[in-house]
Amino acid sequence: MTPAVKQLQQAGVDYRLHRYRHDRVSESWGMEAAQKLGLPPKQVFKTLMVQSESGELAVAIVAVSSQLDLKILARHCGFRKAQMADAAQAERASGYKLGGISALGQKRRLPTVIDESACQFDTIFISAGRRGLEIEMDPRQLAGLIHARFANIARIG
């Protein structure tokens, strides 16, 4: 099992695992998960790694149907500016490969903000730490486990 699933098992929270056959040519991993699992894209969330102008890292969790607003996220993280972390840096910091980065079970705890749109659902879907594997869980429990806060950090993309 992945570190994300192990963290959930250790915490004893309710969750469900969903598997799908990952298409190796897909570049929109979150949308692929939504389509293959027959879910609305606004209920499937992607985990993004960003960095500040001084190199500090943070995590943003937004619906796959949305785009992260870097200016708003920067403000919530106390950064002057934020940009997407490069792939190698995101993989090193999280311990996961792109397309499978989970908010759970990361190598180290980073400041994390979940888009408040997650609160409209009883459960949301996030990566379980591997392409083709999703976790369904209560967004409030997710926030509690990873010490995240909710804020309006996304815009419809």
C-alpha atoms as a PDB file:
ATOM      1  CA  MET A   1       0.000   0.000   0.000  1.00  0.00           C
ATOM      2  CA  THR A   2       1.012   3.604  -0.472  1.00  0.00           C
ATOM      3  CA  PRO A   3       2.065   5.949   2.369  1.00  0.00           C
ATOM      4  CA  ALA A   4      -1.259   7.783   1.865  1.00  0.00           C
ATOM      5  CA  VAL A   5      -3.307   4.649   2.532  1.00  0.00           C
ATOM      6  CA  LYS A   6      -1.075   3.719   5.467  1.00  0.00           C
ATOM      7  CA  GLN A   7      -1.696   7.138   7.035  1.00  0.00           C
ATOM      8  CA  LEU A   8      -5.460   6.627   6.715  1.00  0.00           C
ATOM      9  CA  GLN A   9      -5.266   3.142   8.200  1.00  0.00           C
ATOM     10  CA  GLN A  10      -3.217   4.391  11.154  1.00  0.00           C
ATOM     11  CA  ALA A  11      -5.631   7.285  11.725  1.00  0.00           C
ATOM     12  CA  GLY A  12      -8.637   4.959  11.672  1.00  0.00           C
ATOM     13  CA  VAL A  13     -10.770   7.253   9.510  1.00  0.00           C
ATOM     14  CA  ASP A  14     -13.391   6.156   7.001  1.00  0.00           C
ATOM     15  CA  TYR A  15     -12.283   6.042   3.375  1.00  0.00           C
ATOM     16  CA  ARG A  16     -12.770   3.993   0.240  1.00  0.00           C
ATOM     17  CA  LEU A  17     -10.212   3.074  -2.403  1.00  0.00           C
ATOM     18  CA  HIS A  18     -11.130   3.237  -6.074  1.00  0.00           C
ATOM     19  CA  ARG A  19      -8.980   1.718  -8.797  1.00  0.00           C
ATOM     20  CA  TYR A  20      -9.030   2.412 -12.515  1.00  0.00           C
ATOM     21  CA  ARG A  21      -6.826   1.488 -15.418  1.00  0.00           C
ATOM     22  CA  HIS A  22      -4.423   4.374 -15.989  1.00  0.00           C
ATOM     23  CA  ASP A  23      -3.831   5.345 -19.615  1.00  0.00           C
ATOM     24  CA  ARG A  24      -0.101   5.950 -19.936  1.00  0.00           C
ATOM     25  CA  VAL A  25      -0.547   8.659 -22.583  1.00  0.00           C
ATOM     26  CA  SER A  26      -2.891  10.795 -20.489  1.00  0.00           C
ATOM     27  CA  GLU A  27      -1.417  14.086 -19.319  1.00  0.00           C
ATOM     28  CA  SER A  28      -4.465  15.237 -17.361  1.00  0.00           C
ATOM     29  CA  TRP A  29      -4.317  12.665 -14.594  1.00  0.00           C
ATOM     30  CA  GLY A  30      -7.095  14.177 -12.509  1.00  0.00           C
ATOM     31  CA  MET A  31      -9.521  14.430 -15.414  1.00  0.00           C
ATOM     32  CA  GLU A  32      -8.628  10.881 -16.390  1.00  0.00           C
ATOM     33  CA  ALA A  33      -9.561   9.715 -12.872  1.00  0.00           C
ATOM     34  CA  ALA A  34     -12.887  11.578 -13.031  1.00  0.00           C
ATOM     35  CA  GLN A  35     -13.742  10.136 -16.449  1.00  0.00           C
ATOM     36  CA  LYS A  36     -12.722   6.562 -15.712  1.00  0.00           C
ATOM     37  CA  LEU A  37     -14.525   6.516 -12.354  1.00  0.00           C
ATOM     38  CA  GLY A  38     -17.603   8.280 -13.767  1.00  0.00           C
ATOM     39  CA  LEU A  39     -17.327  11.207 -11.353  1.00  0.00           C
ATOM     40  CA  PRO A  40     -18.040  14.911 -11.717  1.00  0.00           C
ATOM     41  CA  PRO A  41     -14.662  16.677 -12.165  1.00  0.00           C
ATOM     42  CA  LYS A  42     -15.577  19.176  -9.449  1.00  0.00           C
ATOM     43  CA  GLN A  43     -15.565  16.314  -6.899  1.00  0.00           C
ATOM     44  CA  VAL A  44     -12.113  14.987  -7.888  1.00  0.00           C
ATOM     45  CA  PHE A  45      -9.244  17.001  -6.442  1.00  0.00           C
ATOM     46  CA  LYS A  46      -5.628  17.334  -7.540  1.00  0.00           C
ATOM     47  CA  THR A  47      -2.688  17.958  -5.241  1.00  0.00           C
ATOM     48  CA  LEU A  48      -0.325  20.670  -6.459  1.00  0.00           C
ATOM     49  CA  MET A  49       3.041  21.697  -5.065  1.00  0.00           C
ATOM     50  CA  VAL A  50       4.026  25.363  -5.160  1.00  0.00           C
ATOM     51  CA  GLN A  51       7.032  27.335  -4.025  1.00  0.00           C
ATOM     52  CA  SER A  52       7.544  30.860  -2.777  1.00  0.00           C
ATOM     53  CA  GLU A  53      10.035  33.363  -4.111  1.00  0.00           C
ATOM     54  CA  SER A  54      12.440  32.183  -1.392  1.00  0.00           C
ATOM     55  CA  GLY A  55      11.947  28.486  -2.170  1.00  0.00           C
ATOM     56  CA  GLU A  56       9.491  27.577   0.607  1.00  0.00           C
ATOM     57  CA  LEU A  57       7.079  24.842  -0.436  1.00  0.00           C
ATOM     58  CA  ALA A  58       3.323  24.574   0.102  1.00  0.00           C
ATOM     59  CA  VAL A  59       0.529  22.312  -1.104  1.00  0.00           C
ATOM     60  CA  ALA A  60      -2.721  23.316  -2.790  1.00  0.00           C
ATOM     61  CA  ILE A  61      -5.656  20.969  -3.314  1.00  0.00           C
ATOM     62  CA  VAL A  62      -8.157  22.056  -5.974  1.00  0.00           C
ATOM     63  CA  ALA A  63     -10.817  20.394  -8.112  1.00  0.00           C
ATOM     64  CA  VAL A  64      -9.546  19.017 -11.411  1.00  0.00           C
ATOM     65  CA  SER A  65     -12.135  21.205 -13.160  1.00  0.00           C
ATOM     66  CA  SER A  66     -10.484  24.331 -11.692  1.00  0.00           C
ATOM     67  CA  GLN A  67      -7.209  26.184 -11.888  1.00  0.00           C
ATOM     68  CA  LEU A  68      -5.176  27.237  -8.892  1.00  0.00           C
ATOM     69  CA  ASP A  69      -4.997  30.998  -8.348  1.00  0.00           C
ATOM     70  CA  LEU A  70      -1.344  31.417  -7.378  1.00  0.00           C
ATOM     71  CA  LYS A  71      -1.772  35.004  -6.135  1.00  0.00           C
ATOM     72  CA  ILE A  72      -4.533  34.055  -3.728  1.00  0.00           C
ATOM     73  CA  LEU A  73      -2.679  30.946  -2.548  1.00  0.00           C
ATOM     74  CA  ALA A  74       0.468  33.006  -1.943  1.00  0.00           C
ATOM     75  CA  ARG A  75      -1.492  35.360   0.283  1.00  0.00           C
ATOM     76  CA  HIS A  76      -2.928  32.440   2.302  1.00  0.00           C
ATOM     77  CA  CYS A  77       0.561  30.938   2.741  1.00  0.00           C
ATOM     78  CA  GLY A  78       2.225  34.226   3.699  1.00  0.00           C
ATOM     79  CA  PHE A  79       4.269  34.335   0.480  1.00  0.00           C
ATOM     80  CA  ARG A  80       4.794  37.456  -1.619  1.00  0.00           C
ATOM     81  CA  LYS A  81       4.586  35.330  -4.767  1.00  0.00           C
ATOM     82  CA  ALA A  82       4.050  31.684  -5.569  1.00  0.00           C
ATOM     83  CA  GLN A  83       4.807  29.576  -8.604  1.00  0.00           C
ATOM     84  CA  MET A  84       4.385  25.922  -9.412  1.00  0.00           C
ATOM     85  CA  ALA A  85       7.263  23.839  -8.066  1.00  0.00           C
ATOM     86  CA  ASP A  86       9.156  21.983 -10.765  1.00  0.00           C
ATOM     87  CA  ALA A  87       8.390  18.294 -11.209  1.00  0.00           C
ATOM     88  CA  ALA A  88      11.594  16.980  -9.649  1.00  0.00           C
ATOM     89  CA  GLN A  89      11.191  19.218  -6.612  1.00  0.00           C
ATOM     90  CA  ALA A  90       7.545  18.183  -6.139  1.00  0.00           C
ATOM     91  CA  GLU A  91       8.452  14.506  -6.390  1.00  0.00           C
ATOM     92  CA  ARG A  92      11.359  14.845  -3.937  1.00  0.00           C
ATOM     93  CA  ALA A  93       9.337  16.789  -1.371  1.00  0.00           C
ATOM     94  CA  SER A  94       6.249  14.576  -1.543  1.00  0.00           C
ATOM     95  CA  GLY A  95       7.805  11.176  -2.132  1.00  0.00           C
ATOM     96  CA  TYR A  96       5.387  10.537  -5.013  1.00  0.00           C
ATOM     97  CA  LYS A  97       5.572  10.639  -8.816  1.00  0.00           C
ATOM     98  CA  LEU A  98       3.678  13.300 -10.781  1.00  0.00           C
ATOM     99  CA  GLY A  99       0.121  12.257 -11.448  1.00  0.00           C
ATOM    100  CA  GLY A 100       0.133  10.324  -8.195  1.00  0.00           C
ATOM    101  CA  ILE A 101       1.059  12.997  -5.660  1.00  0.00           C
ATOM    102  CA  SER A 102      -1.213  12.617  -2.670  1.00  0.00           C
ATOM    103  CA  ALA A 103      -1.917  15.147   0.051  1.00  0.00           C
ATOM    104  CA  LEU A 104      -1.580  12.257   2.507  1.00  0.00           C
ATOM    105  CA  GLY A 105       1.588  10.421   3.481  1.00  0.00           C
ATOM    106  CA  GLN A 106       4.018  13.017   2.190  1.00  0.00           C
ATOM    107  CA  LYS A 107       7.652  12.912   3.319  1.00  0.00           C
ATOM    108  CA  ARG A 108       7.229  16.081   5.350  1.00  0.00           C
ATOM    109  CA  ARG A 109       4.337  18.212   6.442  1.00  0.00           C
ATOM    110  CA  LEU A 110       3.975  21.361   4.358  1.00  0.00           C
ATOM    111  CA  PRO A 111       1.517  24.236   4.697  1.00  0.00           C
ATOM    112  CA  THR A 112      -1.607  23.036   2.879  1.00  0.00           C
ATOM    113  CA  VAL A 113      -4.715  24.818   1.627  1.00  0.00           C
ATOM    114  CA  ILE A 114      -7.774  23.007   0.279  1.00  0.00           C
ATOM    115  CA  ASP A 115     -10.131  24.899  -1.996  1.00  0.00           C
ATOM    116  CA  GLU A 116     -13.327  25.581  -0.098  1.00  0.00           C
ATOM    117  CA  SER A 117     -15.391  24.046  -2.911  1.00  0.00           C
ATOM    118  CA  ALA A 118     -14.521  20.680  -1.326  1.00  0.00           C
ATOM    119  CA  CYS A 119     -16.851  21.515   1.565  1.00  0.00           C
ATOM    120  CA  GLN A 120     -19.924  21.209  -0.653  1.00  0.00           C
ATOM    121  CA  PHE A 121     -19.385  17.425  -0.814  1.00  0.00           C
ATOM    122  CA  ASP A 122     -19.742  14.725   1.827  1.00  0.00           C
ATOM    123  CA  THR A 123     -16.763  13.016   0.179  1.00  0.00           C
ATOM    124  CA  ILE A 124     -14.118  14.036  -2.317  1.00  0.00           C
ATOM    125  CA  PHE A 125     -11.629  11.992  -4.329  1.00  0.00           C
ATOM    126  CA  ILE A 126      -7.885  12.533  -4.072  1.00  0.00           C
ATOM    127  CA  SER A 127      -4.871  10.609  -5.295  1.00  0.00           C
ATOM    128  CA  ALA A 128      -3.930   7.631  -3.167  1.00  0.00           C
ATOM    129  CA  GLY A 129      -0.274   8.039  -4.129  1.00  0.00           C
ATOM    130  CA  ARG A 130      -0.253   6.195  -7.424  1.00  0.00           C
ATOM    131  CA  ARG A 131      -1.800   6.802 -10.842  1.00  0.00           C
ATOM    132  CA  GLY A 132      -4.923   4.684 -11.129  1.00  0.00           C
ATOM    133  CA  LEU A 133      -5.725   4.731  -7.412  1.00  0.00           C
ATOM    134  CA  GLU A 134      -8.021   7.262  -5.736  1.00  0.00           C
ATOM    135  CA  ILE A 135      -9.131   7.763  -2.143  1.00  0.00           C
ATOM    136  CA  GLU A 136     -12.697   8.805  -1.400  1.00  0.00           C
ATOM    137  CA  MET A 137     -13.064  10.537   1.955  1.00  0.00           C
ATOM    138  CA  ASP A 138     -14.668  13.359   3.903  1.00  0.00           C
ATOM    139  CA  PRO A 139     -12.835  16.627   3.062  1.00  0.00           C
ATOM    140  CA  ARG A 140     -13.026  17.793   6.686  1.00  0.00           C
ATOM    141  CA  GLN A 141     -11.304  14.629   7.879  1.00  0.00           C
ATOM    142  CA  LEU A 142      -8.661  15.146   5.215  1.00  0.00           C
ATOM    143  CA  ALA A 143      -8.058  18.701   6.445  1.00  0.00           C
ATOM    144  CA  GLY A 144      -7.734  17.476  10.015  1.00  0.00           C
ATOM    145  CA  LEU A 145      -5.243  14.744   9.126  1.00  0.00           C
ATOM    146  CA  ILE A 146      -2.932  17.010   7.151  1.00  0.00           C
ATOM    147  CA  HIS A 147      -3.498  20.179   9.227  1.00  0.00           C
ATOM    148  CA  ALA A 148      -4.878  22.018   6.199  1.00  0.00           C
ATOM    149  CA  ARG A 149      -7.228  24.951   6.038  1.00  0.00           C
ATOM    150  CA  PHE A 150      -9.974  25.757   3.573  1.00  0.00           C
ATOM    151  CA  ALA A 151      -9.907  28.892   1.417  1.00  0.00           C
ATOM    152  CA  ASN A 152     -11.148  30.043  -1.967  1.00  0.00           C
ATOM    153  CA  ILE A 153      -7.929  29.400  -3.952  1.00  0.00           C
ATOM    154  CA  ALA A 154      -9.297  28.217  -7.304  1.00  0.00           C
ATOM    155  CA  ARG A 155     -11.013  29.638 -10.326  1.00  0.00           C
ATOM    156  CA  ILE A 156     -13.036  27.735 -12.883  1.00  0.00           C
ATOM    157  CA  GLY A 157     -10.637  26.735 -15.639  1.00  0.00           C
END
